[in-house]
PDB file of N, CA and C in Angstrom:
ATOM      1  N   UNK A   1     -57.134  -0.100 -10.404  1.00  0.00           N
ATOM      2  CA  UNK A   1     -56.851  -1.008 -10.660  1.00  0.00           C
ATOM      3  C   UNK A   1     -55.280  -0.606 -11.545  1.00  0.00           C
ATOM      4  N   UNK A   2     -54.739  -1.676 -12.039  1.00  0.00           N
ATOM      5  CA  UNK A   2     -53.993  -1.623 -12.713  1.00  0.00           C
ATOM      6  C   UNK A   2     -53.544  -1.491 -13.947  1.00  0.00           C
ATOM      7  N   UNK A   3     -52.560  -1.062 -14.954  1.00  0.00           N
ATOM      8  CA  UNK A   3     -53.009  -1.029 -16.022  1.00  0.00           C
ATOM      9  C   UNK A   3     -51.282  -1.247 -16.518  1.00  0.00           C
ATOM     10  N   UNK A   4     -51.029  -2.717 -16.950  1.00  0.00           N
ATOM     11  CA  UNK A   4     -49.774  -3.047 -17.154  1.00  0.00           C
ATOM     12  C   UNK A   4     -49.483  -3.336 -18.569  1.00  0.00           C
ATOM     13  N   UNK A   5     -47.806  -3.009 -18.814  1.00  0.00           N
ATOM     14  CA  UNK A   5     -47.692  -3.026 -20.390  1.00  0.00           C
ATOM     15  C   UNK A   5     -48.722  -2.136 -20.954  1.00  0.00           C
ATOM     16  N   UNK A   6     -49.413  -0.844 -20.668  1.00  0.00           N
ATOM     17  CA  UNK A   6     -49.869   0.248 -21.993  1.00  0.00           C
ATOM     18  C   UNK A   6     -49.046   0.294 -23.027  1.00  0.00           C
ATOM     19  N   UNK A   7     -49.934  -0.546 -24.081  1.00  0.00           N
ATOM     20  CA  UNK A   7     -49.716  -0.105 -25.569  1.00  0.00           C
ATOM     21  C   UNK A   7     -49.866   2.078 -25.969  1.00  0.00           C
ATOM     22  N   UNK A   8     -49.418   1.996 -26.772  1.00  0.00           N
ATOM     23  CA  UNK A   8     -49.171   3.321 -27.423  1.00  0.00           C
ATOM     24  C   UNK A   8     -48.332   4.100 -25.797  1.00  0.00           C
ATOM     25  N   UNK A   9     -47.990   4.475 -24.968  1.00  0.00           N
ATOM     26  CA  UNK A   9     -47.927   5.178 -23.463  1.00  0.00           C
ATOM     27  C   UNK A   9     -47.679   6.553 -23.852  1.00  0.00           C
ATOM     28  N   UNK A  10     -46.873   6.950 -25.507  1.00  0.00           N
ATOM     29  CA  UNK A  10     -46.751   8.433 -25.420  1.00  0.00           C
ATOM     30  C   UNK A  10     -48.303   8.872 -26.098  1.00  0.00           C
ATOM     31  N   UNK A  11     -49.327   8.342 -26.439  1.00  0.00           N
ATOM     32  CA  UNK A  11     -50.463   8.891 -26.818  1.00  0.00           C
ATOM     33  C   UNK A  11     -51.145   8.907 -25.338  1.00  0.00           C
ATOM     34  N   UNK A  12     -51.287   7.594 -24.542  1.00  0.00           N
ATOM     35  CA  UNK A  12     -51.645   7.477 -23.563  1.00  0.00           C
ATOM     36  C   UNK A  12     -51.582   8.370 -22.368  1.00  0.00           C
ATOM     37  N   UNK A  13     -50.400   9.005 -22.412  1.00  0.00           N
ATOM     38  CA  UNK A  13     -49.624   9.701 -21.324  1.00  0.00           C
ATOM     39  C   UNK A  13     -51.091  10.758 -21.767  1.00  0.00           C
ATOM     40  N   UNK A  14     -50.666  11.620 -22.876  1.00  0.00           N
ATOM     41  CA  UNK A  14     -52.047  13.301 -23.462  1.00  0.00           C
ATOM     42  C   UNK A  14     -53.294  13.011 -22.300  1.00  0.00           C
ATOM     43  N   UNK A  15     -53.691  11.746 -22.332  1.00  0.00           N
ATOM     44  CA  UNK A  15     -55.088  12.041 -21.504  1.00  0.00           C
ATOM     45  C   UNK A  15     -54.714  12.215 -20.274  1.00  0.00           C
ATOM     46  N   UNK A  16     -53.723  12.259 -19.456  1.00  0.00           N
ATOM     47  CA  UNK A  16     -53.716  12.066 -18.062  1.00  0.00           C
ATOM     48  C   UNK A  16     -55.030  13.601 -17.558  1.00  0.00           C
ATOM     49  N   UNK A  17     -55.331  13.250 -16.609  1.00  0.00           N
ATOM     50  CA  UNK A  17     -56.348  14.033 -15.850  1.00  0.00           C
ATOM     51  C   UNK A  17     -57.533  14.374 -16.393  1.00  0.00           C
ATOM     52  N   UNK A  18     -57.542  13.766 -17.408  1.00  0.00           N
ATOM     53  CA  UNK A  18     -58.987  13.333 -17.539  1.00  0.00           C
ATOM     54  C   UNK A  18     -59.496  11.722 -18.040  1.00  0.00           C
ATOM     55  N   UNK A  19     -60.990  12.115 -18.101  1.00  0.00           N
ATOM     56  CA  UNK A  19     -62.116  10.768 -18.402  1.00  0.00           C
ATOM     57  C   UNK A  19     -60.929   9.970 -20.029  1.00  0.00           C
ATOM     58  N   UNK A  20     -60.906   8.392 -19.572  1.00  0.00           N
ATOM     59  CA  UNK A  20     -60.653   7.888 -20.572  1.00  0.00           C
ATOM     60  C   UNK A  20     -61.130   6.702 -20.471  1.00  0.00           C
ATOM     61  N   UNK A  21     -61.245   5.362 -21.344  1.00  0.00           N
ATOM     62  CA  UNK A  21     -61.513   3.651 -21.624  1.00  0.00           C
ATOM     63  C   UNK A  21     -60.090   3.485 -21.448  1.00  0.00           C
ATOM     64  N   UNK A  22     -60.262   2.445 -20.914  1.00  0.00           N
ATOM     65  CA  UNK A  22     -58.847   0.855 -21.052  1.00  0.00           C
ATOM     66  C   UNK A  22     -59.777  -0.044 -21.598  1.00  0.00           C
ATOM     67  N   UNK A  23     -58.912  -0.842 -23.028  1.00  0.00           N
ATOM     68  CA  UNK A  23     -59.364  -2.305 -22.801  1.00  0.00           C
ATOM     69  C   UNK A  23     -58.043  -2.789 -23.046  1.00  0.00           C
ATOM     70  N   UNK A  24     -58.619  -4.016 -22.874  1.00  0.00           N
ATOM     71  CA  UNK A  24     -57.514  -4.928 -22.868  1.00  0.00           C
ATOM     72  C   UNK A  24     -57.436  -6.404 -22.400  1.00  0.00           C
ATOM     73  N   UNK A  25     -56.842  -7.489 -21.640  1.00  0.00           N
ATOM     74  CA  UNK A  25     -56.622  -8.375 -21.537  1.00  0.00           C
ATOM     75  C   UNK A  25     -57.047  -8.377 -19.902  1.00  0.00           C
ATOM     76  N   UNK A  26     -58.186  -9.026 -19.905  1.00  0.00           N
ATOM     77  CA  UNK A  26     -58.228  -8.879 -17.853  1.00  0.00           C
ATOM     78  C   UNK A  26     -57.390  -9.828 -16.924  1.00  0.00           C
ATOM     79  N   UNK A  27     -57.302  -9.952 -16.037  1.00  0.00           N
ATOM     80  CA  UNK A  27     -56.625 -10.034 -14.975  1.00  0.00           C
ATOM     81  C   UNK A  27     -57.214 -10.220 -14.018  1.00  0.00           C
ATOM     82  N   UNK A  28     -57.732 -11.087 -13.154  1.00  0.00           N
ATOM     83  CA  UNK A  28     -59.110 -11.883 -12.782  1.00  0.00           C
ATOM     84  C   UNK A  28     -58.499 -12.433 -11.389  1.00  0.00           C
ATOM     85  N   UNK A  29     -59.472 -11.080 -10.322  1.00  0.00           N
ATOM     86  CA  UNK A  29     -58.667 -11.626  -8.941  1.00  0.00           C
ATOM     87  C   UNK A  29     -59.280 -12.976  -8.198  1.00  0.00           C
ATOM     88  N   UNK A  30     -59.131 -13.214  -7.199  1.00  0.00           N
ATOM     89  CA  UNK A  30     -59.059 -13.968  -6.316  1.00  0.00           C
ATOM     90  C   UNK A  30     -61.496 -14.391  -6.905  1.00  0.00           C
ATOM     91  N   UNK A  31     -62.159 -13.141  -6.182  1.00  0.00           N
ATOM     92  CA  UNK A  31     -63.174 -13.506  -5.806  1.00  0.00           C
ATOM     93  C   UNK A  31     -63.626 -13.202  -7.820  1.00  0.00           C
ATOM     94  N   UNK A  32     -63.115 -13.023  -8.776  1.00  0.00           N
ATOM     95  CA  UNK A  32     -62.858 -12.767  -9.786  1.00  0.00           C
ATOM     96  C   UNK A  32     -63.382 -11.529 -10.199  1.00  0.00           C
ATOM     97  N   UNK A  33     -63.244 -10.587  -9.648  1.00  0.00           N
ATOM     98  CA  UNK A  33     -63.361  -9.202 -10.164  1.00  0.00           C
ATOM     99  C   UNK A  33     -61.739  -8.698 -10.779  1.00  0.00           C
ATOM    100  N   UNK A  34     -61.823  -8.306 -11.995  1.00  0.00           N
ATOM    101  CA  UNK A  34     -61.091  -8.095 -12.590  1.00  0.00           C
ATOM    102  C   UNK A  34     -60.423  -6.662 -11.758  1.00  0.00           C
ATOM    103  N   UNK A  35     -58.747  -7.548 -11.633  1.00  0.00           N
ATOM    104  CA  UNK A  35     -57.809  -6.782 -11.004  1.00  0.00           C
ATOM    105  C   UNK A  35     -56.800  -6.147 -11.880  1.00  0.00           C
ATOM    106  N   UNK A  36     -56.577  -6.076 -13.174  1.00  0.00           N
ATOM    107  CA  UNK A  36     -55.635  -5.286 -14.041  1.00  0.00           C
ATOM    108  C   UNK A  36     -56.063  -5.696 -15.479  1.00  0.00           C
ATOM    109  N   UNK A  37     -55.327  -4.735 -16.692  1.00  0.00           N
ATOM    110  CA  UNK A  37     -55.388  -4.868 -17.663  1.00  0.00           C
ATOM    111  C   UNK A  37     -54.288  -5.512 -18.453  1.00  0.00           C
ATOM    112  N   UNK A  38     -53.807  -6.181 -18.919  1.00  0.00           N
ATOM    113  CA  UNK A  38     -52.767  -6.260 -19.904  1.00  0.00           C
ATOM    114  C   UNK A  38     -53.172  -5.866 -20.949  1.00  0.00           C
ATOM    115  N   UNK A  39     -51.893  -5.218 -21.759  1.00  0.00           N
ATOM    116  CA  UNK A  39     -51.485  -4.630 -22.425  1.00  0.00           C
ATOM    117  C   UNK A  39     -52.953  -3.676 -22.729  1.00  0.00           C
ATOM    118  N   UNK A  40     -52.618  -3.014 -22.180  1.00  0.00           N
ATOM    119  CA  UNK A  40     -54.543  -1.787 -22.200  1.00  0.00           C
ATOM    120  C   UNK A  40     -53.824  -0.825 -23.448  1.00  0.00           C
ATOM    121  N   UNK A  41     -54.959  -0.489 -23.896  1.00  0.00           N
ATOM    122  CA  UNK A  41     -55.744   0.422 -24.774  1.00  0.00           C
ATOM    123  C   UNK A  41     -55.789   2.122 -23.859  1.00  0.00           C
ATOM    124  N   UNK A  42     -54.874   2.845 -24.345  1.00  0.00           N
ATOM    125  CA  UNK A  42     -56.758   4.319 -23.467  1.00  0.00           C
ATOM    126  C   UNK A  42     -56.937   4.907 -24.727  1.00  0.00           C
ATOM    127  N   UNK A  43     -57.785   5.551 -24.749  1.00  0.00           N
ATOM    128  CA  UNK A  43     -58.537   6.165 -25.434  1.00  0.00           C
ATOM    129  C   UNK A  43     -59.487   6.902 -24.579  1.00  0.00           C
ATOM    130  N   UNK A  44     -59.671   8.898 -25.159  1.00  0.00           N
ATOM    131  CA  UNK A  44     -60.186   9.528 -24.721  1.00  0.00           C
ATOM    132  C   UNK A  44     -61.712   9.210 -24.274  1.00  0.00           C
ATOM    133  N   UNK A  45     -62.272   8.768 -23.257  1.00  0.00           N
ATOM    134  CA  UNK A  45     -63.591   8.613 -23.521  1.00  0.00           C
ATOM    135  C   UNK A  45     -64.753  10.220 -23.960  1.00  0.00           C
ATOM    136  N   UNK A  46     -65.970  10.287 -24.411  1.00  0.00           N
ATOM    137  CA  UNK A  46     -66.434  11.616 -25.179  1.00  0.00           C
ATOM    138  C   UNK A  46     -68.190  11.409 -23.929  1.00  0.00           C
ATOM    139  N   UNK A  47     -68.319  11.435 -23.332  1.00  0.00           N
ATOM    140  CA  UNK A  47     -69.708  11.824 -22.515  1.00  0.00           C
ATOM    141  C   UNK A  47     -70.171  11.475 -23.937  1.00  0.00           C
ATOM    142  N   UNK A  48     -71.465  10.717 -23.612  1.00  0.00           N
ATOM    143  CA  UNK A  48     -72.698  10.739 -24.431  1.00  0.00           C
ATOM    144  C   UNK A  48     -73.109  12.165 -24.752  1.00  0.00           C
ATOM    145  N   UNK A  49     -74.356  12.281 -25.305  1.00  0.00           N
ATOM    146  CA  UNK A  49     -75.016  13.545 -25.224  1.00  0.00           C
ATOM    147  C   UNK A  49     -76.835  12.091 -25.110  1.00  0.00           C
ATOM    148  N   UNK A  50     -76.976  12.999 -23.320  1.00  0.00           N
ATOM    149  CA  UNK A  50     -77.774  12.308 -23.104  1.00  0.00           C
ATOM    150  C   UNK A  50     -78.905  13.327 -22.261  1.00  0.00           C
ATOM    151  N   UNK A  51     -80.050  13.056 -22.997  1.00  0.00           N
ATOM    152  CA  UNK A  51     -81.134  13.997 -22.554  1.00  0.00           C
ATOM    153  C   UNK A  51     -81.876  13.031 -21.140  1.00  0.00           C
ATOM    154  N   UNK A  52     -82.963  13.684 -20.717  1.00  0.00           N
ATOM    155  CA  UNK A  52     -83.305  12.487 -19.591  1.00  0.00           C
ATOM    156  C   UNK A  52     -85.462  12.846 -20.290  1.00  0.00           C
ATOM    157  N   UNK A  53     -85.634  11.627 -20.237  1.00  0.00           N
ATOM    158  CA  UNK A  53     -86.984  11.382 -21.373  1.00  0.00           C
ATOM    159  C   UNK A  53     -88.322  12.454 -20.536  1.00  0.00           C
ATOM    160  N   UNK A  54     -89.105  12.459 -21.665  1.00  0.00           N
ATOM    161  CA  UNK A  54     -90.021  13.798 -20.567  1.00  0.00           C
ATOM    162  C   UNK A  54     -91.320  12.742 -20.469  1.00  0.00           C
ATOM    163  N   UNK A  55     -91.998  12.405 -19.447  1.00  0.00           N
ATOM    164  CA  UNK A  55     -92.750  11.506 -19.150  1.00  0.00           C
ATOM    165  C   UNK A  55     -94.239  11.769 -18.884  1.00  0.00           C
ATOM    166  N   UNK A  56     -94.398  12.772 -19.916  1.00  0.00           N
ATOM    167  CA  UNK A  56     -95.776  13.510 -20.296  1.00  0.00           C
ATOM    168  C   UNK A  56     -96.803  13.058 -19.122  1.00  0.00           C
ATOM    169  N   UNK A  57     -97.576  11.690 -19.247  1.00  0.00           N
ATOM    170  CA  UNK A  57     -98.529  11.517 -18.041  1.00  0.00           C
ATOM    171  C   UNK A  57     -98.100  11.562 -16.912  1.00  0.00           C
ATOM    172  N   UNK A  58     -96.917  11.430 -15.956  1.00  0.00           N
ATOM    173  CA  UNK A  58     -96.449  11.186 -15.214  1.00  0.00           C
ATOM    174  C   UNK A  58     -96.523  12.428 -14.365  1.00  0.00           C
ATOM    175  N   UNK A  59     -96.215  13.555 -15.394  1.00  0.00           N
ATOM    176  CA  UNK A  59     -96.355  14.940 -15.002  1.00  0.00           C
ATOM    177  C   UNK A  59     -97.027  15.436 -14.034  1.00  0.00           C
ATOM    178  N   UNK A  60     -96.626  16.518 -12.846  1.00  0.00           N
ATOM    179  CA  UNK A  60     -97.911  17.139 -12.658  1.00  0.00           C
ATOM    180  C   UNK A  60     -98.784  15.819 -11.215  1.00  0.00           C
ATOM    181  N   UNK A  61     -98.713  14.890 -11.221  1.00  0.00           N
ATOM    182  CA  UNK A  61     -99.001  14.013 -10.385  1.00  0.00           C
ATOM    183  C   UNK A  61     -98.521  14.547  -8.912  1.00  0.00           C
ATOM    184  N   UNK A  62     -99.474  14.129  -7.022  1.00  0.00           N
ATOM    185  CA  UNK A  62     -98.486  14.217  -6.499  1.00  0.00           C
ATOM    186  C   UNK A  62     -98.450  12.989  -6.508  1.00  0.00           C
ATOM    187  N   UNK A  63     -97.041  12.873  -5.035  1.00  0.00           N
ATOM    188  CA  UNK A  63     -97.101  11.428  -4.206  1.00  0.00           C
ATOM    189  C   UNK A  63     -98.088  10.970  -3.596  1.00  0.00           C
ATOM    190  N   UNK A  64     -98.330   9.713  -3.412  1.00  0.00           N
ATOM    191  CA  UNK A  64     -99.837   9.047  -3.314  1.00  0.00           C
ATOM    192  C   UNK A  64     -99.102   8.533  -2.062  1.00  0.00           C
ATOM    193  N   UNK A  65    -100.477   8.937  -0.972  1.00  0.00           N
ATOM    194  CA  UNK A  65    -100.152   7.314   0.317  1.00  0.00           C
ATOM    195  C   UNK A  65     -99.399   5.987  -0.118  1.00  0.00           C
ATOM    196  N   UNK A  66     -98.917   5.749   0.813  1.00  0.00           N
ATOM    197  CA  UNK A  66     -98.986   4.048   1.065  1.00  0.00           C
ATOM    198  C   UNK A  66    -100.599   3.715   1.391  1.00  0.00           C
ATOM    199  N   UNK A  67    -100.884   2.732   0.765  1.00  0.00           N
ATOM    200  CA  UNK A  67    -101.707   1.471   1.257  1.00  0.00           C
ATOM    201  C   UNK A  67    -101.173   0.940   2.472  1.00  0.00           C
ATOM    202  N   UNK A  68    -102.339   0.990   3.809  1.00  0.00           N
ATOM    203  CA  UNK A  68    -101.759   0.896   5.294  1.00  0.00           C
ATOM    204  C   UNK A  68    -102.250  -0.565   5.669  1.00  0.00           C
ATOM    205  N   UNK A  69    -103.196  -1.246   4.499  1.00  0.00           N
ATOM    206  CA  UNK A  69    -103.996  -2.358   4.564  1.00  0.00           C
ATOM    207  C   UNK A  69    -103.338  -3.092   4.124  1.00  0.00           C
ATOM    208  N   UNK A  70    -101.634  -2.925   3.522  1.00  0.00           N
ATOM    209  CA  UNK A  70    -101.266  -4.591   2.448  1.00  0.00           C
ATOM    210  C   UNK A  70    -100.444  -5.198   2.557  1.00  0.00           C
ATOM    211  N   UNK A  71    -100.759  -5.042   4.424  1.00  0.00           N
ATOM    212  CA  UNK A  71     -99.367  -6.807   4.587  1.00  0.00           C
ATOM    213  C   UNK A  71    -100.825  -7.108   5.675  1.00  0.00           C
ATOM    214  N   UNK A  72    -100.398  -8.637   5.507  1.00  0.00           N
ATOM    215  CA  UNK A  72    -101.369  -9.595   6.293  1.00  0.00           C
ATOM    216  C   UNK A  72    -100.457  -9.451   7.943  1.00  0.00           C
ATOM    217  N   UNK A  73    -101.487  -9.212   9.276  1.00  0.00           N
ATOM    218  CA  UNK A  73    -100.495  -9.306  10.505  1.00  0.00           C
ATOM    219  C   UNK A  73     -99.959  -8.181  10.330  1.00  0.00           C
ATOM    220  N   UNK A  74    -100.156  -7.058  10.011  1.00  0.00           N
ATOM    221  CA  UNK A  74     -98.884  -5.943  10.306  1.00  0.00           C
ATOM    222  C   UNK A  74    -100.441  -5.297  10.556  1.00  0.00           C
ATOM    223  N   UNK A  75    -100.571  -4.022  11.871  1.00  0.00           N
ATOM    224  CA  UNK A  75    -101.554  -3.309  11.215  1.00  0.00           C
ATOM    225  C   UNK A  75    -101.348  -1.543  11.146  1.00  0.00           C
ATOM    226  N   UNK A  76    -102.250  -1.012  11.695  1.00  0.00           N
ATOM    227  CA  UNK A  76    -102.462   0.591  10.616  1.00  0.00           C
ATOM    228  C   UNK A  76    -101.224   1.143  11.736  1.00  0.00           C
ATOM    229  N   UNK A  77    -101.055   1.670  12.764  1.00  0.00           N
ATOM    230  CA  UNK A  77    -100.463   1.397  13.883  1.00  0.00           C
ATOM    231  C   UNK A  77     -98.481   1.314  13.572  1.00  0.00           C
ATOM    232  N   UNK A  78     -98.945   0.001  13.352  1.00  0.00           N
ATOM    233  CA  UNK A  78     -97.469  -0.600  12.652  1.00  0.00           C
ATOM    234  C   UNK A  78     -96.503   0.087  11.856  1.00  0.00           C
ATOM    235  N   UNK A  79     -97.511   0.218  10.897  1.00  0.00           N
ATOM    236  CA  UNK A  79     -97.254   0.571   9.602  1.00  0.00           C
ATOM    237  C   UNK A  79     -96.882   1.864   9.688  1.00  0.00           C
ATOM    238  N   UNK A  80     -97.855   3.249  10.744  1.00  0.00           N
ATOM    239  CA  UNK A  80     -97.248   4.198  10.286  1.00  0.00           C
ATOM    240  C   UNK A  80     -96.144   4.400  11.632  1.00  0.00           C
ATOM    241  N   UNK A  81     -96.012   3.588  12.418  1.00  0.00           N
ATOM    242  CA  UNK A  81     -94.540   3.799  13.250  1.00  0.00           C
ATOM    243  C   UNK A  81     -93.575   3.821  12.301  1.00  0.00           C
ATOM    244  N   UNK A  82     -93.454   2.833  11.613  1.00  0.00           N
ATOM    245  CA  UNK A  82     -92.557   2.506  10.220  1.00  0.00           C
ATOM    246  C   UNK A  82     -92.225   3.626   9.335  1.00  0.00           C
ATOM    247  N   UNK A  83     -92.882   4.240   8.821  1.00  0.00           N
ATOM    248  CA  UNK A  83     -93.569   5.046   7.995  1.00  0.00           C
ATOM    249  C   UNK A  83     -92.459   5.972   8.314  1.00  0.00           C
ATOM    250  N   UNK A  84     -92.682   6.843   9.403  1.00  0.00           N
ATOM    251  CA  UNK A  84     -92.304   7.757  10.830  1.00  0.00           C
ATOM    252  C   UNK A  84     -91.069   7.818  10.757  1.00  0.00           C
ATOM    253  N   UNK A  85     -90.314   6.114  11.416  1.00  0.00           N
ATOM    254  CA  UNK A  85     -89.179   5.649  11.400  1.00  0.00           C
ATOM    255  C   UNK A  85     -88.325   5.990  10.459  1.00  0.00           C
ATOM    256  N   UNK A  86     -88.565   5.704   8.852  1.00  0.00           N
ATOM    257  CA  UNK A  86     -88.325   5.997   7.708  1.00  0.00           C
ATOM    258  C   UNK A  86     -88.164   7.520   7.164  1.00  0.00           C
ATOM    259  N   UNK A  87     -88.727   8.332   7.498  1.00  0.00           N
ATOM    260  CA  UNK A  87     -89.332   9.538   7.127  1.00  0.00           C
ATOM    261  C   UNK A  87     -89.790   9.963   6.589  1.00  0.00           C
ATOM    262  N   UNK A  88     -90.928   8.563   6.216  1.00  0.00           N
ATOM    263  CA  UNK A  88     -92.242   9.101   5.189  1.00  0.00           C
ATOM    264  C   UNK A  88     -93.589   9.871   5.659  1.00  0.00           C
TER     265      UNK A  88
END
């Protein structure tokens, strides 16, 4: 993405090689995507502290086997062949 007319270029230059966020007026492409920002303001990106939540009721469960009789018109051999094909 291009950043046109970066505001505070001297400040932004200090962030070279670091993770940053850019905000500004979006220029939209023909498919509705953002192609550039005009008047972009660059700020250092601080990764928020995050820890995966613990789900005690699911810990220790073994992977369950799929129900092979749940699709009308498909027999168990076809389901087993499909599961083997996808590596299950």
